[in-house]
PDB file of N, CA and C in Angstrom:
ATOM      1  N   MET A   1       0.585  -1.105   0.118  1.00  0.00           N
ATOM      2  CA  MET A   1      -0.003  -0.185  -0.134  1.00  0.00           C
ATOM      3  C   MET A   1       1.029   0.879  -0.021  1.00  0.00           C
ATOM      4  N   ALA A   2       0.312   2.502   0.260  1.00  0.00           N
ATOM      5  CA  ALA A   2       1.103   3.291   0.117  1.00  0.00           C
ATOM      6  C   ALA A   2       0.676   4.371   1.456  1.00  0.00           C
ATOM      7  N   LEU A   3       1.457   5.571   1.983  1.00  0.00           N
ATOM      8  CA  LEU A   3       1.532   6.391   2.490  1.00  0.00           C
ATOM      9  C   LEU A   3       0.216   6.904   2.670  1.00  0.00           C
ATOM     10  N   ASP A   4      -0.317   7.078   3.491  1.00  0.00           N
ATOM     11  CA  ASP A   4      -1.522   7.909   4.096  1.00  0.00           C
ATOM     12  C   ASP A   4      -1.266   9.163   4.759  1.00  0.00           C
ATOM     13  N   GLN A   5      -1.023  10.668   4.522  1.00  0.00           N
ATOM     14  CA  GLN A   5      -0.272  11.593   5.258  1.00  0.00           C
ATOM     15  C   GLN A   5      -1.334  11.710   5.862  1.00  0.00           C
ATOM     16  N   THR A   6      -3.006  11.306   6.124  1.00  0.00           N
ATOM     17  CA  THR A   6      -3.842  11.736   6.848  1.00  0.00           C
ATOM     18  C   THR A   6      -3.837  11.237   8.250  1.00  0.00           C
ATOM     19  N   LYS A   7      -3.171  10.041   8.079  1.00  0.00           N
ATOM     20  CA  LYS A   7      -3.430   9.215   9.027  1.00  0.00           C
ATOM     21  C   LYS A   7      -1.409   9.202  10.008  1.00  0.00           C
ATOM     22  N   MET A   8      -0.826  10.420  10.115  1.00  0.00           N
ATOM     23  CA  MET A   8       0.237  10.801  10.274  1.00  0.00           C
ATOM     24  C   MET A   8       0.161  11.820  11.041  1.00  0.00           C
ATOM     25  N   SER A   9       0.698  11.644  12.396  1.00  0.00           N
ATOM     26  CA  SER A   9       0.688  12.923  13.228  1.00  0.00           C
ATOM     27  C   SER A   9       1.710  12.866  14.309  1.00  0.00           C
ATOM     28  N   ALA A  10       2.181  14.305  14.028  1.00  0.00           N
ATOM     29  CA  ALA A  10       3.064  14.689  15.129  1.00  0.00           C
ATOM     30  C   ALA A  10       2.943  14.966  16.430  1.00  0.00           C
ATOM     31  N   VAL A  11       3.132  13.901  17.199  1.00  0.00           N
ATOM     32  CA  VAL A  11       2.602  13.897  18.671  1.00  0.00           C
ATOM     33  C   VAL A  11       3.896  14.440  19.966  1.00  0.00           C
ATOM     34  N   ALA A  12       5.105  14.633  19.589  1.00  0.00           N
ATOM     35  CA  ALA A  12       5.578  15.459  20.093  1.00  0.00           C
ATOM     36  C   ALA A  12       7.124  15.660  19.583  1.00  0.00           C
ATOM     37  N   TYR A  13       7.812  16.801  20.378  1.00  0.00           N
ATOM     38  CA  TYR A  13       8.869  17.266  19.504  1.00  0.00           C
ATOM     39  C   TYR A  13      10.008  17.559  20.665  1.00  0.00           C
ATOM     40  N   GLY A  14      11.136  17.216  20.505  1.00  0.00           N
ATOM     41  CA  GLY A  14      12.331  17.636  21.477  1.00  0.00           C
ATOM     42  C   GLY A  14      13.369  17.412  21.095  1.00  0.00           C
ATOM     43  N   ALA A  15      14.795  18.018  21.630  1.00  0.00           N
ATOM     44  CA  ALA A  15      16.045  17.536  21.189  1.00  0.00           C
ATOM     45  C   ALA A  15      16.236  17.346  19.713  1.00  0.00           C
ATOM     46  N   GLY A  16      15.526  18.174  18.979  1.00  0.00           N
ATOM     47  CA  GLY A  16      15.988  18.428  17.793  1.00  0.00           C
ATOM     48  C   GLY A  16      15.035  16.829  16.576  1.00  0.00           C
ATOM     49  N   GLN A  17      14.260  16.229  17.595  1.00  0.00           N
ATOM     50  CA  GLN A  17      13.450  15.012  16.742  1.00  0.00           C
ATOM     51  C   GLN A  17      11.942  15.176  16.982  1.00  0.00           C
ATOM     52  N   THR A  18      11.272  14.755  16.125  1.00  0.00           N
ATOM     53  CA  THR A  18       9.952  14.799  16.257  1.00  0.00           C
ATOM     54  C   THR A  18       9.676  13.519  16.370  1.00  0.00           C
ATOM     55  N   LEU A  19       8.248  13.190  17.113  1.00  0.00           N
ATOM     56  CA  LEU A  19       7.864  11.528  17.081  1.00  0.00           C
ATOM     57  C   LEU A  19       6.380  11.625  16.354  1.00  0.00           C
ATOM     58  N   TYR A  20       6.265  10.758  15.503  1.00  0.00           N
ATOM     59  CA  TYR A  20       5.183  10.802  14.992  1.00  0.00           C
ATOM     60  C   TYR A  20       4.448   9.498  15.184  1.00  0.00           C
ATOM     61  N   LEU A  21       3.215   9.534  15.035  1.00  0.00           N
ATOM     62  CA  LEU A  21       2.267   8.617  15.261  1.00  0.00           C
ATOM     63  C   LEU A  21       1.957   8.125  13.765  1.00  0.00           C
ATOM     64  N   TYR A  22       1.232   6.995  13.059  1.00  0.00           N
ATOM     65  CA  TYR A  22       1.019   6.726  12.088  1.00  0.00           C
ATOM     66  C   TYR A  22       0.291   5.341  12.201  1.00  0.00           C
ATOM     67  N   GLN A  23      -1.113   5.653  11.737  1.00  0.00           N
ATOM     68  CA  GLN A  23      -2.042   4.482  11.934  1.00  0.00           C
ATOM     69  C   GLN A  23      -2.092   3.525  10.469  1.00  0.00           C
ATOM     70  N   THR A  24      -1.822   2.525  10.063  1.00  0.00           N
ATOM     71  CA  THR A  24      -2.045   1.662   8.923  1.00  0.00           C
ATOM     72  C   THR A  24      -2.346   0.325   9.430  1.00  0.00           C
ATOM     73  N   ASN A  25      -3.011  -0.315   8.243  1.00  0.00           N
ATOM     74  CA  ASN A  25      -2.811  -2.250   8.398  1.00  0.00           C
ATOM     75  C   ASN A  25      -1.867  -2.285   7.535  1.00  0.00           C
ATOM     76  N   ASP A  26      -0.986  -1.743   6.790  1.00  0.00           N
ATOM     77  CA  ASP A  26       0.000  -2.113   6.347  1.00  0.00           C
ATOM     78  C   ASP A  26       0.815  -3.159   7.070  1.00  0.00           C
ATOM     79  N   THR A  27       1.518  -3.653   6.768  1.00  0.00           N
ATOM     80  CA  THR A  27       2.972  -4.583   7.131  1.00  0.00           C
ATOM     81  C   THR A  27       4.028  -3.846   7.497  1.00  0.00           C
ATOM     82  N   ALA A  28       4.921  -4.394   8.447  1.00  0.00           N
ATOM     83  CA  ALA A  28       6.167  -3.609   8.841  1.00  0.00           C
ATOM     84  C   ALA A  28       6.913  -3.661   8.033  1.00  0.00           C
ATOM     85  N   ALA A  29       6.867  -4.760   6.951  1.00  0.00           N
ATOM     86  CA  ALA A  29       7.619  -4.689   6.011  1.00  0.00           C
ATOM     87  C   ALA A  29       7.061  -3.900   5.256  1.00  0.00           C
ATOM     88  N   GLN A  30       6.308  -3.368   4.205  1.00  0.00           N
ATOM     89  CA  GLN A  30       5.722  -2.827   3.783  1.00  0.00           C
ATOM     90  C   GLN A  30       5.591  -1.227   4.169  1.00  0.00           C
ATOM     91  N   VAL A  31       5.890  -0.920   5.258  1.00  0.00           N
ATOM     92  CA  VAL A  31       6.774   0.342   5.822  1.00  0.00           C
ATOM     93  C   VAL A  31       7.782   0.817   5.977  1.00  0.00           C
ATOM     94  N   ALA A  32       8.392  -0.302   6.272  1.00  0.00           N
ATOM     95  CA  ALA A  32      10.157   0.173   5.767  1.00  0.00           C
ATOM     96  C   ALA A  32      10.506  -0.205   4.619  1.00  0.00           C
ATOM     97  N   GLY A  33       9.286  -0.789   3.603  1.00  0.00           N
ATOM     98  CA  GLY A  33       9.877  -0.959   1.702  1.00  0.00           C
ATOM     99  C   GLY A  33      10.824   0.634   1.554  1.00  0.00           C
ATOM    100  N   ALA A  34      11.250   0.455   0.910  1.00  0.00           N
ATOM    101  CA  ALA A  34      11.520   1.542  -0.472  1.00  0.00           C
ATOM    102  C   ALA A  34      10.649   2.575  -0.099  1.00  0.00           C
ATOM    103  N   ASN A  35      10.710   3.566  -0.892  1.00  0.00           N
ATOM    104  CA  ASN A  35       9.683   4.713  -0.908  1.00  0.00           C
ATOM    105  C   ASN A  35       8.901   5.150  -0.355  1.00  0.00           C
ATOM    106  N   TYR A  36       8.367   4.297   0.366  1.00  0.00           N
ATOM    107  CA  TYR A  36       7.183   4.497   1.451  1.00  0.00           C
ATOM    108  C   TYR A  36       7.019   5.669   2.134  1.00  0.00           C
ATOM    109  N   PHE A  37       7.758   6.497   2.665  1.00  0.00           N
ATOM    110  CA  PHE A  37       7.640   7.664   3.094  1.00  0.00           C
ATOM    111  C   PHE A  37       7.984   8.885   2.563  1.00  0.00           C
ATOM    112  N   ASN A  38       8.709   8.687   0.974  1.00  0.00           N
ATOM    113  CA  ASN A  38       9.034   9.527   0.366  1.00  0.00           C
ATOM    114  C   ASN A  38       8.065  10.957   0.122  1.00  0.00           C
ATOM    115  N   ASP A  39       6.723  10.806   0.449  1.00  0.00           N
ATOM    116  CA  ASP A  39       5.796  11.978   0.226  1.00  0.00           C
ATOM    117  C   ASP A  39       6.074  12.665   1.128  1.00  0.00           C
ATOM    118  N   MET A  40       6.739  12.265   2.393  1.00  0.00           N
ATOM    119  CA  MET A  40       7.003  13.325   3.607  1.00  0.00           C
ATOM    120  C   MET A  40       8.487  13.809   3.594  1.00  0.00           C
ATOM    121  N   ALA A  41       9.040  13.462   2.452  1.00  0.00           N
ATOM    122  CA  ALA A  41      10.453  13.972   2.417  1.00  0.00           C
ATOM    123  C   ALA A  41      10.936  15.523   2.506  1.00  0.00           C
ATOM    124  N   ASP A  42      10.002  16.323   2.645  1.00  0.00           N
ATOM    125  CA  ASP A  42       9.911  17.607   2.898  1.00  0.00           C
ATOM    126  C   ASP A  42       9.661  17.880   4.252  1.00  0.00           C
ATOM    127  N   GLN A  43       9.264  17.016   5.213  1.00  0.00           N
ATOM    128  CA  GLN A  43       8.691  17.369   6.828  1.00  0.00           C
ATOM    129  C   GLN A  43       9.526  15.973   7.899  1.00  0.00           C
ATOM    130  N   LEU A  44      10.145  15.035   7.234  1.00  0.00           N
ATOM    131  CA  LEU A  44      10.825  13.899   8.112  1.00  0.00           C
ATOM    132  C   LEU A  44      12.164  14.530   7.862  1.00  0.00           C
ATOM    133  N   ARG A  45      13.003  14.445   9.250  1.00  0.00           N
ATOM    134  CA  ARG A  45      14.414  14.394   9.407  1.00  0.00           C
ATOM    135  C   ARG A  45      15.268  13.425  10.142  1.00  0.00           C
ATOM    136  N   VAL A  46      15.929  13.380   9.447  1.00  0.00           N
ATOM    137  CA  VAL A  46      17.120  12.046  10.170  1.00  0.00           C
ATOM    138  C   VAL A  46      16.755  12.242  11.617  1.00  0.00           C
ATOM    139  N   GLY A  47      16.704  11.264  11.909  1.00  0.00           N
ATOM    140  CA  GLY A  47      16.471  10.905  14.047  1.00  0.00           C
ATOM    141  C   GLY A  47      15.377  10.824  13.945  1.00  0.00           C
ATOM    142  N   ASP A  48      14.229  11.164  13.388  1.00  0.00           N
ATOM    143  CA  ASP A  48      12.540  11.419  13.882  1.00  0.00           C
ATOM    144  C   ASP A  48      12.220   9.833  13.916  1.00  0.00           C
ATOM    145  N   ILE A  49      11.345   9.864  14.448  1.00  0.00           N
ATOM    146  CA  ILE A  49      10.939   8.519  15.083  1.00  0.00           C
ATOM    147  C   ILE A  49       9.552   8.218  14.719  1.00  0.00           C
ATOM    148  N   ILE A  50       9.087   7.165  14.173  1.00  0.00           N
ATOM    149  CA  ILE A  50       7.924   6.983  13.803  1.00  0.00           C
ATOM    150  C   ILE A  50       7.151   5.863  14.390  1.00  0.00           C
ATOM    151  N   LEU A  51       5.405   5.963  15.231  1.00  0.00           N
ATOM    152  CA  LEU A  51       5.469   4.613  15.976  1.00  0.00           C
ATOM    153  C   LEU A  51       4.198   4.563  15.145  1.00  0.00           C
ATOM    154  N   VAL A  52       4.383   3.017  14.984  1.00  0.00           N
ATOM    155  CA  VAL A  52       3.010   2.572  13.844  1.00  0.00           C
ATOM    156  C   VAL A  52       2.339   2.098  14.454  1.00  0.00           C
ATOM    157  N   ALA A  53       0.822   2.381  14.399  1.00  0.00           N
ATOM    158  CA  ALA A  53       0.274   1.458  14.873  1.00  0.00           C
ATOM    159  C   ALA A  53      -0.911   0.735  13.854  1.00  0.00           C
ATOM    160  N   GLY A  54      -1.400  -0.374  14.388  1.00  0.00           N
ATOM    161  CA  GLY A  54      -2.154  -1.412  13.146  1.00  0.00           C
ATOM    162  C   GLY A  54      -2.732  -2.035  13.844  1.00  0.00           C
ATOM    163  N   ASP A  55      -3.657  -2.753  12.703  1.00  0.00           N
ATOM    164  CA  ASP A  55      -4.203  -4.114  13.013  1.00  0.00           C
ATOM    165  C   ASP A  55      -4.211  -5.296  12.094  1.00  0.00           C
ATOM    166  N   GLN A  56      -3.099  -6.229  12.301  1.00  0.00           N
ATOM    167  CA  GLN A  56      -3.233  -7.543  11.190  1.00  0.00           C
ATOM    168  C   GLN A  56      -4.005  -8.535  11.631  1.00  0.00           C
ATOM    169  N   ASP A  57      -5.296  -8.393  11.169  1.00  0.00           N
ATOM    170  CA  ASP A  57      -5.739  -9.784  11.543  1.00  0.00           C
ATOM    171  C   ASP A  57      -6.119  -9.952  12.544  1.00  0.00           C
ATOM    172  N   GLY A  58      -7.078  -8.602  12.750  1.00  0.00           N
ATOM    173  CA  GLY A  58      -7.389  -9.005  14.277  1.00  0.00           C
ATOM    174  C   GLY A  58      -7.003  -8.509  15.349  1.00  0.00           C
ATOM    175  N   SER A  59      -5.726  -8.439  15.094  1.00  0.00           N
ATOM    176  CA  SER A  59      -4.462  -8.226  16.027  1.00  0.00           C
ATOM    177  C   SER A  59      -3.708  -7.048  16.309  1.00  0.00           C
ATOM    178  N   PRO A  60      -3.431  -6.072  17.507  1.00  0.00           N
ATOM    179  CA  PRO A  60      -2.915  -4.890  17.532  1.00  0.00           C
ATOM    180  C   PRO A  60      -1.539  -5.241  17.509  1.00  0.00           C
ATOM    181  N   VAL A  61      -0.931  -4.084  16.248  1.00  0.00           N
ATOM    182  CA  VAL A  61       0.465  -4.355  16.120  1.00  0.00           C
ATOM    183  C   VAL A  61       1.099  -3.052  15.954  1.00  0.00           C
ATOM    184  N   ILE A  62       1.820  -3.150  16.944  1.00  0.00           N
ATOM    185  CA  ILE A  62       2.971  -1.636  17.200  1.00  0.00           C
ATOM    186  C   ILE A  62       4.441  -2.055  16.520  1.00  0.00           C
ATOM    187  N   ASN A  63       4.951  -0.737  15.753  1.00  0.00           N
ATOM    188  CA  ASN A  63       6.177  -1.211  15.082  1.00  0.00           C
ATOM    189  C   ASN A  63       6.806   0.115  15.370  1.00  0.00           C
ATOM    190  N   LEU A  64       8.323   0.347  15.652  1.00  0.00           N
ATOM    191  CA  LEU A  64       8.894   1.696  15.935  1.00  0.00           C
ATOM    192  C   LEU A  64       9.935   1.626  14.564  1.00  0.00           C
ATOM    193  N   PHE A  65       9.807   2.587  14.143  1.00  0.00           N
ATOM    194  CA  PHE A  65      10.910   3.103  12.819  1.00  0.00           C
ATOM    195  C   PHE A  65      11.737   4.661  13.486  1.00  0.00           C
ATOM    196  N   ALA A  66      12.840   4.588  13.117  1.00  0.00           N
ATOM    197  CA  ALA A  66      13.699   5.882  12.964  1.00  0.00           C
ATOM    198  C   ALA A  66      13.998   6.113  11.245  1.00  0.00           C
ATOM    199  N   VAL A  67      13.957   7.341  11.014  1.00  0.00           N
ATOM    200  CA  VAL A  67      14.178   7.725  10.067  1.00  0.00           C
ATOM    201  C   VAL A  67      16.079   7.698   9.928  1.00  0.00           C
ATOM    202  N   SER A  68      16.351   7.002   9.006  1.00  0.00           N
ATOM    203  CA  SER A  68      17.826   6.677   9.404  1.00  0.00           C
ATOM    204  C   SER A  68      18.675   7.329   7.878  1.00  0.00           C
ATOM    205  N   GLY A  69      17.616   8.194   6.956  1.00  0.00           N
ATOM    206  CA  GLY A  69      18.213   8.647   5.621  1.00  0.00           C
ATOM    207  C   GLY A  69      17.098   9.287   4.800  1.00  0.00           C
ATOM    208  N   ASN A  70      17.663  10.717   4.631  1.00  0.00           N
ATOM    209  CA  ASN A  70      16.782  11.598   3.838  1.00  0.00           C
ATOM    210  C   ASN A  70      17.535  12.582   3.182  1.00  0.00           C
ATOM    211  N   ASP A  71      17.343  12.341   1.622  1.00  0.00           N
ATOM    212  CA  ASP A  71      18.236  12.977   1.126  1.00  0.00           C
ATOM    213  C   ASP A  71      17.238  14.349   0.253  1.00  0.00           C
ATOM    214  N   GLY A  72      16.019  14.520   0.652  1.00  0.00           N
ATOM    215  CA  GLY A  72      15.454  15.298  -0.054  1.00  0.00           C
ATOM    216  C   GLY A  72      14.020  14.747  -0.920  1.00  0.00           C
ATOM    217  N   THR A  73      14.504  14.070  -0.869  1.00  0.00           N
ATOM    218  CA  THR A  73      13.302  13.174  -1.991  1.00  0.00           C
ATOM    219  C   THR A  73      13.244  11.308  -1.564  1.00  0.00           C
ATOM    220  N   THR A  74      14.304  10.921  -1.043  1.00  0.00           N
ATOM    221  CA  THR A  74      14.099   9.709  -0.460  1.00  0.00           C
ATOM    222  C   THR A  74      13.913   9.525   0.784  1.00  0.00           C
ATOM    223  N   VAL A  75      13.503   8.866   1.473  1.00  0.00           N
ATOM    224  CA  VAL A  75      13.389   8.902   3.012  1.00  0.00           C
ATOM    225  C   VAL A  75      13.606   6.842   3.181  1.00  0.00           C
ATOM    226  N   THR A  76      14.430   7.252   3.819  1.00  0.00           N
ATOM    227  CA  THR A  76      14.903   5.676   4.538  1.00  0.00           C
ATOM    228  C   THR A  76      14.585   5.562   6.017  1.00  0.00           C
ATOM    229  N   VAL A  77      14.126   4.400   6.206  1.00  0.00           N
ATOM    230  CA  VAL A  77      13.538   4.408   7.721  1.00  0.00           C
ATOM    231  C   VAL A  77      14.224   2.478   8.484  1.00  0.00           C
ATOM    232  N   THR A  78      15.008   2.571   9.407  1.00  0.00           N
ATOM    233  CA  THR A  78      15.271   1.646   9.811  1.00  0.00           C
ATOM    234  C   THR A  78      14.215   1.076  11.089  1.00  0.00           C
ATOM    235  N   GLY A  79      14.105  -0.089  11.495  1.00  0.00           N
ATOM    236  CA  GLY A  79      13.272  -0.367  12.838  1.00  0.00           C
ATOM    237  C   GLY A  79      12.820  -1.818  13.101  1.00  0.00           C
ATOM    238  N   THR A  80      12.284  -1.895  13.607  1.00  0.00           N
ATOM    239  CA  THR A  80      11.879  -3.329  14.395  1.00  0.00           C
ATOM    240  C   THR A  80      10.888  -3.925  13.092  1.00  0.00           C
ATOM    241  N   ALA A  81      11.403  -5.337  12.949  1.00  0.00           N
ATOM    242  CA  ALA A  81      11.006  -6.340  11.550  1.00  0.00           C
ATOM    243  C   ALA A  81       9.498  -6.482  11.816  1.00  0.00           C
ATOM    244  N   GLY A  82       9.204  -6.559  13.212  1.00  0.00           N
ATOM    245  CA  GLY A  82       7.870  -7.313  13.553  1.00  0.00           C
ATOM    246  C   GLY A  82       7.089  -6.702  14.242  1.00  0.00           C
ATOM    247  N   ALA A  83       6.373  -7.105  15.214  1.00  0.00           N
ATOM    248  CA  ALA A  83       5.567  -6.437  16.223  1.00  0.00           C
ATOM    249  C   ALA A  83       6.209  -6.671  17.840  1.00  0.00           C
ATOM    250  N   LEU A  84       5.711  -5.442  18.447  1.00  0.00           N
ATOM    251  CA  LEU A  84       6.375  -5.619  19.928  1.00  0.00           C
ATOM    252  C   LEU A  84       5.400  -5.474  20.304  1.00  0.00           C
ATOM    253  N   SER A  85       5.544  -6.373  21.280  1.00  0.00           N
ATOM    254  CA  SER A  85       4.576  -7.065  22.251  1.00  0.00           C
ATOM    255  C   SER A  85       5.174  -7.058  23.755  1.00  0.00           C
TER     256      SER A  85
END
């Protein structure tokens, strides 16, 4: 799937980083995939944290990602490969 910016909110800011909450039913692999966050390249900075909340087959899933690269066009994230529980 693709990023739905209407479901991404900045929830905290401090020490030069922003914490975002993003709600999606996309899998962690999809979210971590190439080009997923590129539409927000003008907003996301290296070091920002994205908490992804979703529902996979009726089970709540939380994944945590950090923006590890942003050249102004391409955003790269790294983080959990599966659910935190």
